Amino acid sequence: MEVAEKFAVIRASGRYWTVGAVHSEADRLHDLHCRMERRLKDNDKLIYLGNFLGIGAAAVETVDEMLLFRRRFLARPRAHIKDYVILRGAQEEIWQKLLQIQLALNPGEVLNWMVEHGAAPTMLSYGADPGDALAAVREGVTALNRWASSLRDRIRSLNGHAALIASLRRAAYSDDGGMLFVHSGLDPARPITSQADDFWWNSQGFDEITAPYGTYRRIVRGHDPRGGGVQINPYTATIDGGCGHGGNLVAACFDPLGEMVDLIEA
């Protein structure tokens, strides 16, 4: 995959609205969108920081809500397609691997791990029974391939869903090198292009950032696996109110200098 396909480059003009982990709580996302829409200004950007899927039961409705709001956001005067970005979170990484489960070396073990880490409700939302998947694993590669193909067909049957999943980016940054947006993790000892799975799994590395990382004034993430809540530190920010785990869905707005200027909880 080319670098341009992995990362989104965002115009540095205007403010940056960021949305933390949604975890398939579609009603909260709808409420958040309604409140955010009233506060939008010209040149505002919108970045979903991953984990919009998983944990909760309304994955299909969540993607539908994102697609509906995308139309309204980009229909604003002077809005640009590059002003709207969705990052791939750990749940979306699991989901994409699930759609290719027939290629796994140990599909039964991998599938059980995915189910235990939040994928089961998303499967059910898309009309796929985890029990059927486990049964297909026992039957063999042909049955498992048939099961995965059926799930992909269900996704393609829903307008815009497959395209949205295909559009996800690993991280995003402003074109002036001032702002960096990631899902959950980061290895501060390595450049952006060498992070690999760190964006999804290296939350400890993100927690250890106490000095500038390259040219970035602020690094913003949307998911904290340890559930530490919203945190604004000198060089980093965590926008995770615990949505999907009994907490609120959070959106935070940052000015071009990286200072938080607005916060919404739904």
C-alpha atoms as a PDB file:
ATOM      1  CA  MET A   1       0.000   0.000   0.000  1.00  0.00           C
ATOM      2  CA  GLU A   2       1.356   3.410  -0.981  1.00  0.00           C
ATOM      3  CA  VAL A   3       1.990   6.063   1.693  1.00  0.00           C
ATOM      4  CA  ALA A   4      -0.755   8.262   0.194  1.00  0.00           C
ATOM      5  CA  GLU A   5      -3.239   5.432   0.715  1.00  0.00           C
ATOM      6  CA  LYS A   6      -2.199   4.858   4.332  1.00  0.00           C
ATOM      7  CA  PHE A   7      -2.355   8.437   5.610  1.00  0.00           C
ATOM      8  CA  ALA A   8      -4.676  11.401   5.198  1.00  0.00           C
ATOM      9  CA  VAL A   9      -3.182  14.847   4.724  1.00  0.00           C
ATOM     10  CA  ILE A  10      -5.465  17.581   6.052  1.00  0.00           C
ATOM     11  CA  ARG A  11      -5.426  21.239   5.087  1.00  0.00           C
ATOM     12  CA  ALA A  12      -3.988  23.287   7.960  1.00  0.00           C
ATOM     13  CA  SER A  13      -6.524  26.124   7.722  1.00  0.00           C
ATOM     14  CA  GLY A  14      -9.424  26.116  10.184  1.00  0.00           C
ATOM     15  CA  ARG A  15     -10.200  24.007  13.232  1.00  0.00           C
ATOM     16  CA  TYR A  16     -10.074  20.238  13.760  1.00  0.00           C
ATOM     17  CA  TRP A  17     -13.093  18.396  15.156  1.00  0.00           C
ATOM     18  CA  THR A  18     -12.143  14.936  16.436  1.00  0.00           C
ATOM     19  CA  VAL A  19     -14.506  12.125  17.449  1.00  0.00           C
ATOM     20  CA  GLY A  20     -13.415   9.455  19.924  1.00  0.00           C
ATOM     21  CA  ALA A  21     -14.292   5.761  19.934  1.00  0.00           C
ATOM     22  CA  VAL A  22     -18.011   5.270  19.153  1.00  0.00           C
ATOM     23  CA  HIS A  23     -18.154   1.486  19.615  1.00  0.00           C
ATOM     24  CA  SER A  24     -21.377   1.175  17.612  1.00  0.00           C
ATOM     25  CA  GLU A  25     -23.482   3.442  19.841  1.00  0.00           C
ATOM     26  CA  ALA A  26     -25.429   4.933  16.942  1.00  0.00           C
ATOM     27  CA  ASP A  27     -27.881   6.950  19.058  1.00  0.00           C
ATOM     28  CA  ARG A  28     -25.066   8.750  20.859  1.00  0.00           C
ATOM     29  CA  LEU A  29     -23.365   9.445  17.542  1.00  0.00           C
ATOM     30  CA  HIS A  30     -26.562  10.925  16.104  1.00  0.00           C
ATOM     31  CA  ASP A  31     -26.914  13.189  19.153  1.00  0.00           C
ATOM     32  CA  LEU A  32     -23.261  14.211  18.875  1.00  0.00           C
ATOM     33  CA  HIS A  33     -23.621  15.028  15.176  1.00  0.00           C
ATOM     34  CA  CYS A  34     -26.705  17.179  15.796  1.00  0.00           C
ATOM     35  CA  ARG A  35     -24.931  19.200  18.458  1.00  0.00           C
ATOM     36  CA  MET A  36     -21.694  19.463  16.496  1.00  0.00           C
ATOM     37  CA  GLU A  37     -23.488  20.637  13.362  1.00  0.00           C
ATOM     38  CA  ARG A  38     -24.696  23.748  15.166  1.00  0.00           C
ATOM     39  CA  ARG A  39     -21.117  24.639  16.159  1.00  0.00           C
ATOM     40  CA  LEU A  40     -19.356  24.112  12.836  1.00  0.00           C
ATOM     41  CA  LYS A  41     -17.519  27.019  11.239  1.00  0.00           C
ATOM     42  CA  ASP A  42     -16.103  27.563   7.770  1.00  0.00           C
ATOM     43  CA  ASN A  43     -12.958  25.499   7.124  1.00  0.00           C
ATOM     44  CA  ASP A  44     -13.588  23.147  10.041  1.00  0.00           C
ATOM     45  CA  LYS A  45     -12.230  19.621   9.595  1.00  0.00           C
ATOM     46  CA  LEU A  46     -13.688  16.369  10.952  1.00  0.00           C
ATOM     47  CA  ILE A  47     -11.627  13.332  11.935  1.00  0.00           C
ATOM     48  CA  TYR A  48     -13.131  10.141  13.365  1.00  0.00           C
ATOM     49  CA  LEU A  49     -10.365   8.514  15.386  1.00  0.00           C
ATOM     50  CA  GLY A  50     -11.325   4.865  14.871  1.00  0.00           C
ATOM     51  CA  ASN A  51     -13.293   2.191  16.727  1.00  0.00           C
ATOM     52  CA  PHE A  52     -16.621   3.319  15.362  1.00  0.00           C
ATOM     53  CA  LEU A  53     -17.370  -0.432  15.105  1.00  0.00           C
ATOM     54  CA  GLY A  54     -17.235  -3.114  17.784  1.00  0.00           C
ATOM     55  CA  ILE A  55     -18.520  -3.671  21.331  1.00  0.00           C
ATOM     56  CA  GLY A  56     -22.031  -2.225  20.791  1.00  0.00           C
ATOM     57  CA  ALA A  57     -24.934  -3.790  18.914  1.00  0.00           C
ATOM     58  CA  ALA A  58     -25.707  -1.069  16.334  1.00  0.00           C
ATOM     59  CA  ALA A  59     -22.768  -1.285  13.917  1.00  0.00           C
ATOM     60  CA  VAL A  60     -24.895  -1.005  10.762  1.00  0.00           C
ATOM     61  CA  GLU A  61     -26.816   1.969  12.144  1.00  0.00           C
ATOM     62  CA  THR A  62     -23.552   3.641  13.184  1.00  0.00           C
ATOM     63  CA  VAL A  63     -22.100   3.424   9.670  1.00  0.00           C
ATOM     64  CA  ASP A  64     -25.395   4.691   8.231  1.00  0.00           C
ATOM     65  CA  GLU A  65     -25.234   7.678  10.594  1.00  0.00           C
ATOM     66  CA  MET A  66     -21.653   8.434   9.566  1.00  0.00           C
ATOM     67  CA  LEU A  67     -22.609   8.316   5.889  1.00  0.00           C
ATOM     68  CA  LEU A  68     -25.597  10.623   6.415  1.00  0.00           C
ATOM     69  CA  PHE A  69     -23.570  13.168   8.356  1.00  0.00           C
ATOM     70  CA  ARG A  70     -20.769  13.019   5.783  1.00  0.00           C
ATOM     71  CA  ARG A  71     -23.202  14.335   3.172  1.00  0.00           C
ATOM     72  CA  ARG A  72     -24.298  17.197   5.403  1.00  0.00           C
ATOM     73  CA  PHE A  73     -20.749  18.052   6.429  1.00  0.00           C
ATOM     74  CA  LEU A  74     -19.415  18.161   2.874  1.00  0.00           C
ATOM     75  CA  ALA A  75     -22.478  20.050   1.604  1.00  0.00           C
ATOM     76  CA  ARG A  76     -21.443  23.099   3.662  1.00  0.00           C
ATOM     77  CA  PRO A  77     -20.146  26.108   1.726  1.00  0.00           C
ATOM     78  CA  ARG A  78     -16.424  25.866   0.984  1.00  0.00           C
ATOM     79  CA  ALA A  79     -16.168  22.347   2.450  1.00  0.00           C
ATOM     80  CA  HIS A  80     -13.573  20.091   0.826  1.00  0.00           C
ATOM     81  CA  ILE A  81     -13.460  16.305   0.512  1.00  0.00           C
ATOM     82  CA  LYS A  82     -10.115  16.261   2.347  1.00  0.00           C
ATOM     83  CA  ASP A  83     -11.741  17.939   5.352  1.00  0.00           C
ATOM     84  CA  TYR A  84     -13.436  14.626   6.288  1.00  0.00           C
ATOM     85  CA  VAL A  85     -11.311  11.691   7.465  1.00  0.00           C
ATOM     86  CA  ILE A  86     -12.019   8.352   9.139  1.00  0.00           C
ATOM     87  CA  LEU A  87      -9.188   6.443  10.794  1.00  0.00           C
ATOM     88  CA  ARG A  88      -9.025   2.695  11.098  1.00  0.00           C
ATOM     89  CA  GLY A  89      -9.142   1.653  14.742  1.00  0.00           C
ATOM     90  CA  ALA A  90      -8.420  -1.677  16.367  1.00  0.00           C
ATOM     91  CA  GLN A  91     -12.027  -2.778  15.852  1.00  0.00           C
ATOM     92  CA  GLU A  92     -11.917  -1.929  12.138  1.00  0.00           C
ATOM     93  CA  GLU A  93      -8.580  -3.741  11.840  1.00  0.00           C
ATOM     94  CA  ILE A  94     -10.200  -6.809  13.422  1.00  0.00           C
ATOM     95  CA  TRP A  95     -13.195  -6.442  11.099  1.00  0.00           C
ATOM     96  CA  GLN A  96     -11.067  -6.289   7.962  1.00  0.00           C
ATOM     97  CA  LYS A  97      -9.107  -9.350   9.063  1.00  0.00           C
ATOM     98  CA  LEU A  98     -12.395 -11.142   9.795  1.00  0.00           C
ATOM     99  CA  LEU A  99     -13.512 -10.603   6.203  1.00  0.00           C
ATOM    100  CA  GLN A 100     -10.424 -12.580   5.152  1.00  0.00           C
ATOM    101  CA  ILE A 101     -10.571 -15.157   7.942  1.00  0.00           C
ATOM    102  CA  GLN A 102     -10.232 -18.017   5.454  1.00  0.00           C
ATOM    103  CA  LEU A 103      -6.616 -16.899   4.877  1.00  0.00           C
ATOM    104  CA  ALA A 104      -5.611 -17.172   8.558  1.00  0.00           C
ATOM    105  CA  LEU A 105      -3.162 -19.937   9.507  1.00  0.00           C
ATOM    106  CA  ASN A 106      -5.217 -20.832  12.584  1.00  0.00           C
ATOM    107  CA  PRO A 107      -8.692 -19.506  11.751  1.00  0.00           C
ATOM    108  CA  GLY A 108     -10.419 -21.039  14.777  1.00  0.00           C
ATOM    109  CA  GLU A 109      -7.970 -19.491  17.221  1.00  0.00           C
ATOM    110  CA  VAL A 110      -8.070 -16.129  15.409  1.00  0.00           C
ATOM    111  CA  LEU A 111     -11.860 -16.135  15.240  1.00  0.00           C
ATOM    112  CA  ASN A 112     -12.221 -16.864  18.954  1.00  0.00           C
ATOM    113  CA  TRP A 113      -9.823 -14.006  19.747  1.00  0.00           C
ATOM    114  CA  MET A 114     -11.828 -11.616  17.550  1.00  0.00           C
ATOM    115  CA  VAL A 115     -15.106 -12.625  19.183  1.00  0.00           C
ATOM    116  CA  GLU A 116     -13.611 -12.126  22.639  1.00  0.00           C
ATOM    117  CA  HIS A 117     -12.332  -8.658  21.659  1.00  0.00           C
ATOM    118  CA  GLY A 118     -15.572  -7.067  20.486  1.00  0.00           C
ATOM    119  CA  ALA A 119     -16.275  -8.387  16.986  1.00  0.00           C
ATOM    120  CA  ALA A 120     -19.320 -10.537  17.822  1.00  0.00           C
ATOM    121  CA  PRO A 121     -21.865  -7.677  18.081  1.00  0.00           C
ATOM    122  CA  THR A 122     -20.649  -6.257  14.759  1.00  0.00           C
ATOM    123  CA  MET A 123     -21.042  -9.657  13.126  1.00  0.00           C
ATOM    124  CA  LEU A 124     -24.579  -9.968  14.451  1.00  0.00           C
ATOM    125  CA  SER A 125     -25.442  -6.432  13.323  1.00  0.00           C
ATOM    126  CA  TYR A 126     -24.461  -7.409   9.775  1.00  0.00           C
ATOM    127  CA  GLY A 127     -26.528 -10.593  10.004  1.00  0.00           C
ATOM    128  CA  ALA A 128     -23.645 -12.996  10.581  1.00  0.00           C
ATOM    129  CA  ASP A 129     -23.801 -15.482  13.467  1.00  0.00           C
ATOM    130  CA  PRO A 130     -20.432 -16.134  15.209  1.00  0.00           C
ATOM    131  CA  GLY A 131     -21.625 -19.686  15.859  1.00  0.00           C
ATOM    132  CA  ASP A 132     -21.999 -20.272  12.135  1.00  0.00           C
ATOM    133  CA  ALA A 133     -18.455 -19.002  11.607  1.00  0.00           C
ATOM    134  CA  LEU A 134     -17.074 -21.424  14.195  1.00  0.00           C
ATOM    135  CA  ALA A 135     -19.026 -24.241  12.566  1.00  0.00           C
ATOM    136  CA  ALA A 136     -17.523 -23.297   9.199  1.00  0.00           C
ATOM    137  CA  VAL A 137     -14.040 -23.442  10.731  1.00  0.00           C
ATOM    138  CA  ARG A 138     -14.691 -27.021  11.799  1.00  0.00           C
ATOM    139  CA  GLU A 139     -15.980 -27.951   8.327  1.00  0.00           C
ATOM    140  CA  GLY A 140     -12.882 -26.670   6.558  1.00  0.00           C
ATOM    141  CA  VAL A 141     -11.518 -24.008   4.236  1.00  0.00           C
ATOM    142  CA  THR A 142     -14.277 -24.273   1.622  1.00  0.00           C
ATOM    143  CA  ALA A 143     -17.061 -23.729   4.166  1.00  0.00           C
ATOM    144  CA  LEU A 144     -15.156 -20.899   5.849  1.00  0.00           C
ATOM    145  CA  ASN A 145     -14.527 -19.194   2.525  1.00  0.00           C
ATOM    146  CA  ARG A 146     -18.238 -19.489   1.744  1.00  0.00           C
ATOM    147  CA  TRP A 147     -19.117 -17.947   5.130  1.00  0.00           C
ATOM    148  CA  ALA A 148     -16.719 -15.013   4.660  1.00  0.00           C
ATOM    149  CA  SER A 149     -17.951 -14.440   1.111  1.00  0.00           C
ATOM    150  CA  SER A 150     -21.536 -14.309   2.364  1.00  0.00           C
ATOM    151  CA  LEU A 151     -20.591 -11.686   4.962  1.00  0.00           C
ATOM    152  CA  ARG A 152     -18.824  -9.575   2.333  1.00  0.00           C
ATOM    153  CA  ASP A 153     -21.954  -9.799   0.171  1.00  0.00           C
ATOM    154  CA  ARG A 154     -24.084  -8.518   3.071  1.00  0.00           C
ATOM    155  CA  ILE A 155     -21.774  -5.527   3.497  1.00  0.00           C
ATOM    156  CA  ARG A 156     -21.827  -4.748  -0.233  1.00  0.00           C
ATOM    157  CA  SER A 157     -25.628  -4.858  -0.187  1.00  0.00           C
ATOM    158  CA  LEU A 158     -25.715  -1.865   2.177  1.00  0.00           C
ATOM    159  CA  ASN A 159     -25.241   1.409   0.329  1.00  0.00           C
ATOM    160  CA  GLY A 160     -21.889   3.002   1.087  1.00  0.00           C
ATOM    161  CA  HIS A 161     -20.685   0.549   3.730  1.00  0.00           C
ATOM    162  CA  ALA A 162     -17.984  -1.209   1.704  1.00  0.00           C
ATOM    163  CA  ALA A 163     -16.709   2.106   0.309  1.00  0.00           C
ATOM    164  CA  LEU A 164     -16.490   3.616   3.787  1.00  0.00           C
ATOM    165  CA  ILE A 165     -14.471   0.687   5.113  1.00  0.00           C
ATOM    166  CA  ALA A 166     -12.181   0.887   2.077  1.00  0.00           C
ATOM    167  CA  SER A 167     -11.573   4.610   2.689  1.00  0.00           C
ATOM    168  CA  LEU A 168     -10.095   4.220   6.189  1.00  0.00           C
ATOM    169  CA  ARG A 169      -6.651   5.658   6.886  1.00  0.00           C
ATOM    170  CA  ARG A 170      -4.051   4.567   9.422  1.00  0.00           C
ATOM    171  CA  ALA A 171      -3.373   8.117  10.639  1.00  0.00           C
ATOM    172  CA  ALA A 172      -3.838  11.724   9.560  1.00  0.00           C
ATOM    173  CA  TYR A 173      -1.748  14.867   9.813  1.00  0.00           C
ATOM    174  CA  SER A 174      -2.045  18.522   8.876  1.00  0.00           C
ATOM    175  CA  ASP A 175      -0.100  19.662   5.840  1.00  0.00           C
ATOM    176  CA  ASP A 176       1.865  22.151   7.947  1.00  0.00           C
ATOM    177  CA  GLY A 177       3.209  19.332  10.129  1.00  0.00           C
ATOM    178  CA  GLY A 178       1.567  20.714  13.254  1.00  0.00           C
ATOM    179  CA  MET A 179      -1.183  18.208  14.088  1.00  0.00           C
ATOM    180  CA  LEU A 180      -1.151  14.413  14.115  1.00  0.00           C
ATOM    181  CA  PHE A 181      -4.215  12.206  14.596  1.00  0.00           C
ATOM    182  CA  VAL A 182      -3.955   8.516  15.521  1.00  0.00           C
ATOM    183  CA  HIS A 183      -6.269   5.832  16.828  1.00  0.00           C
ATOM    184  CA  SER A 184      -4.712   4.600  20.066  1.00  0.00           C
ATOM    185  CA  GLY A 185      -0.976   4.048  19.930  1.00  0.00           C
ATOM    186  CA  LEU A 186       2.314   5.380  18.687  1.00  0.00           C
ATOM    187  CA  ASP A 187       5.968   4.458  19.059  1.00  0.00           C
ATOM    188  CA  PRO A 188       7.723   7.814  19.626  1.00  0.00           C
ATOM    189  CA  ALA A 189      11.075   6.277  18.674  1.00  0.00           C
ATOM    190  CA  ARG A 190       9.965   5.538  15.112  1.00  0.00           C
ATOM    191  CA  PRO A 191       8.776   7.722  12.213  1.00  0.00           C
ATOM    192  CA  ILE A 192       5.139   7.728  11.140  1.00  0.00           C
ATOM    193  CA  THR A 193       5.815   5.602   8.077  1.00  0.00           C
ATOM    194  CA  SER A 194       7.325   2.804  10.236  1.00  0.00           C
ATOM    195  CA  GLN A 195       4.561   2.515  12.847  1.00  0.00           C
ATOM    196  CA  ALA A 196       2.849  -0.582  11.352  1.00  0.00           C
ATOM    197  CA  ASP A 197       0.491  -1.982  14.033  1.00  0.00           C
ATOM    198  CA  ASP A 198       1.570   0.557  16.650  1.00  0.00           C
ATOM    199  CA  PHE A 199      -1.359   2.817  15.740  1.00  0.00           C
ATOM    200  CA  TRP A 200      -3.749   0.154  17.072  1.00  0.00           C
ATOM    201  CA  TRP A 201      -1.873  -1.720  19.775  1.00  0.00           C
ATOM    202  CA  ASN A 202       0.969   0.404  21.197  1.00  0.00           C
ATOM    203  CA  SER A 203      -1.004   2.553  23.642  1.00  0.00           C
ATOM    204  CA  GLN A 204       1.850   2.386  26.148  1.00  0.00           C
ATOM    205  CA  GLY A 205       4.138   4.127  23.660  1.00  0.00           C
ATOM    206  CA  PHE A 206       1.602   6.941  23.302  1.00  0.00           C
ATOM    207  CA  ASP A 207       1.394   7.302  27.094  1.00  0.00           C
ATOM    208  CA  GLU A 208       5.161   7.756  27.243  1.00  0.00           C
ATOM    209  CA  ILE A 209       5.215  10.838  24.987  1.00  0.00           C
ATOM    210  CA  THR A 210       6.529  13.724  27.122  1.00  0.00           C
ATOM    211  CA  ALA A 211       8.373  15.701  24.456  1.00  0.00           C
ATOM    212  CA  PRO A 212       7.608  16.901  20.917  1.00  0.00           C
ATOM    213  CA  TYR A 213       7.311  14.138  18.339  1.00  0.00           C
ATOM    214  CA  GLY A 214       8.839  15.541  15.165  1.00  0.00           C
ATOM    215  CA  THR A 215       7.201  18.830  14.211  1.00  0.00           C
ATOM    216  CA  TYR A 216       3.803  18.024  15.724  1.00  0.00           C
ATOM    217  CA  ARG A 217       2.437  20.460  18.271  1.00  0.00           C
ATOM    218  CA  ARG A 218      -0.279  18.044  19.328  1.00  0.00           C
ATOM    219  CA  ILE A 219      -0.986  14.337  18.815  1.00  0.00           C
ATOM    220  CA  VAL A 220      -4.638  13.406  19.279  1.00  0.00           C
ATOM    221  CA  ARG A 221      -5.945   9.877  19.792  1.00  0.00           C
ATOM    222  CA  GLY A 222      -9.480   8.557  20.153  1.00  0.00           C
ATOM    223  CA  HIS A 223      -9.141   5.375  22.193  1.00  0.00           C
ATOM    224  CA  ASP A 224      -7.470   4.593  25.501  1.00  0.00           C
ATOM    225  CA  PRO A 225      -7.613   0.838  26.246  1.00  0.00           C
ATOM    226  CA  ARG A 226      -7.010   1.576  29.921  1.00  0.00           C
ATOM    227  CA  GLY A 227     -10.100   3.788  30.127  1.00  0.00           C
ATOM    228  CA  GLY A 228      -8.394   6.872  31.519  1.00  0.00           C
ATOM    229  CA  GLY A 229     -10.980   9.288  30.122  1.00  0.00           C
ATOM    230  CA  VAL A 230     -10.414  12.569  28.317  1.00  0.00           C
ATOM    231  CA  GLN A 231      -6.881  13.840  28.904  1.00  0.00           C
ATOM    232  CA  ILE A 232      -5.184  16.968  27.579  1.00  0.00           C
ATOM    233  CA  ASN A 233      -1.428  16.915  28.093  1.00  0.00           C
ATOM    234  CA  PRO A 234       1.296  19.284  26.833  1.00  0.00           C
ATOM    235  CA  TYR A 235       1.931  17.353  23.610  1.00  0.00           C
ATOM    236  CA  THR A 236      -0.917  14.822  23.426  1.00  0.00           C
ATOM    237  CA  ALA A 237      -4.669  14.557  23.861  1.00  0.00           C
ATOM    238  CA  THR A 238      -6.908  11.542  24.437  1.00  0.00           C
ATOM    239  CA  ILE A 239     -10.542  11.928  23.342  1.00  0.00           C
ATOM    240  CA  ASP A 240     -12.175   8.845  24.829  1.00  0.00           C
ATOM    241  CA  GLY A 241     -15.106   9.199  27.202  1.00  0.00           C
ATOM    242  CA  GLY A 242     -15.699   5.460  27.522  1.00  0.00           C
ATOM    243  CA  CYS A 243     -18.455   5.142  24.923  1.00  0.00           C
ATOM    244  CA  GLY A 244     -19.418   1.484  24.610  1.00  0.00           C
ATOM    245  CA  HIS A 245     -18.269   0.799  28.158  1.00  0.00           C
ATOM    246  CA  GLY A 246     -20.852   2.838  30.050  1.00  0.00           C
ATOM    247  CA  GLY A 247     -19.330   6.258  29.355  1.00  0.00           C
ATOM    248  CA  ASN A 248     -20.025   9.135  26.989  1.00  0.00           C
ATOM    249  CA  LEU A 249     -19.146   9.700  23.363  1.00  0.00           C
ATOM    250  CA  VAL A 250     -16.790  12.664  23.098  1.00  0.00           C
ATOM    251  CA  ALA A 251     -15.864  15.106  20.345  1.00  0.00           C
ATOM    252  CA  ALA A 252     -13.175  17.736  20.848  1.00  0.00           C
ATOM    253  CA  CYS A 253     -12.292  20.704  18.674  1.00  0.00           C
ATOM    254  CA  PHE A 254      -8.725  21.982  18.353  1.00  0.00           C
ATOM    255  CA  ASP A 255      -7.547  25.266  16.895  1.00  0.00           C
ATOM    256  CA  PRO A 256      -4.653  25.413  14.371  1.00  0.00           C
ATOM    257  CA  LEU A 257      -2.156  25.725  17.246  1.00  0.00           C
ATOM    258  CA  GLY A 258      -3.383  22.526  18.851  1.00  0.00           C
ATOM    259  CA  GLU A 259      -5.319  24.076  21.720  1.00  0.00           C
ATOM    260  CA  MET A 260      -8.674  22.528  22.601  1.00  0.00           C
ATOM    261  CA  VAL A 261     -11.400  25.138  22.082  1.00  0.00           C
ATOM    262  CA  ASP A 262     -14.615  23.087  22.362  1.00  0.00           C
ATOM    263  CA  LEU A 263     -15.840  19.774  23.776  1.00  0.00           C
ATOM    264  CA  ILE A 264     -19.100  17.858  23.287  1.00  0.00           C
ATOM    265  CA  GLU A 265     -20.245  14.812  25.248  1.00  0.00           C
ATOM    266  CA  ALA A 266     -23.248  12.737  24.231  1.00  0.00           C
END
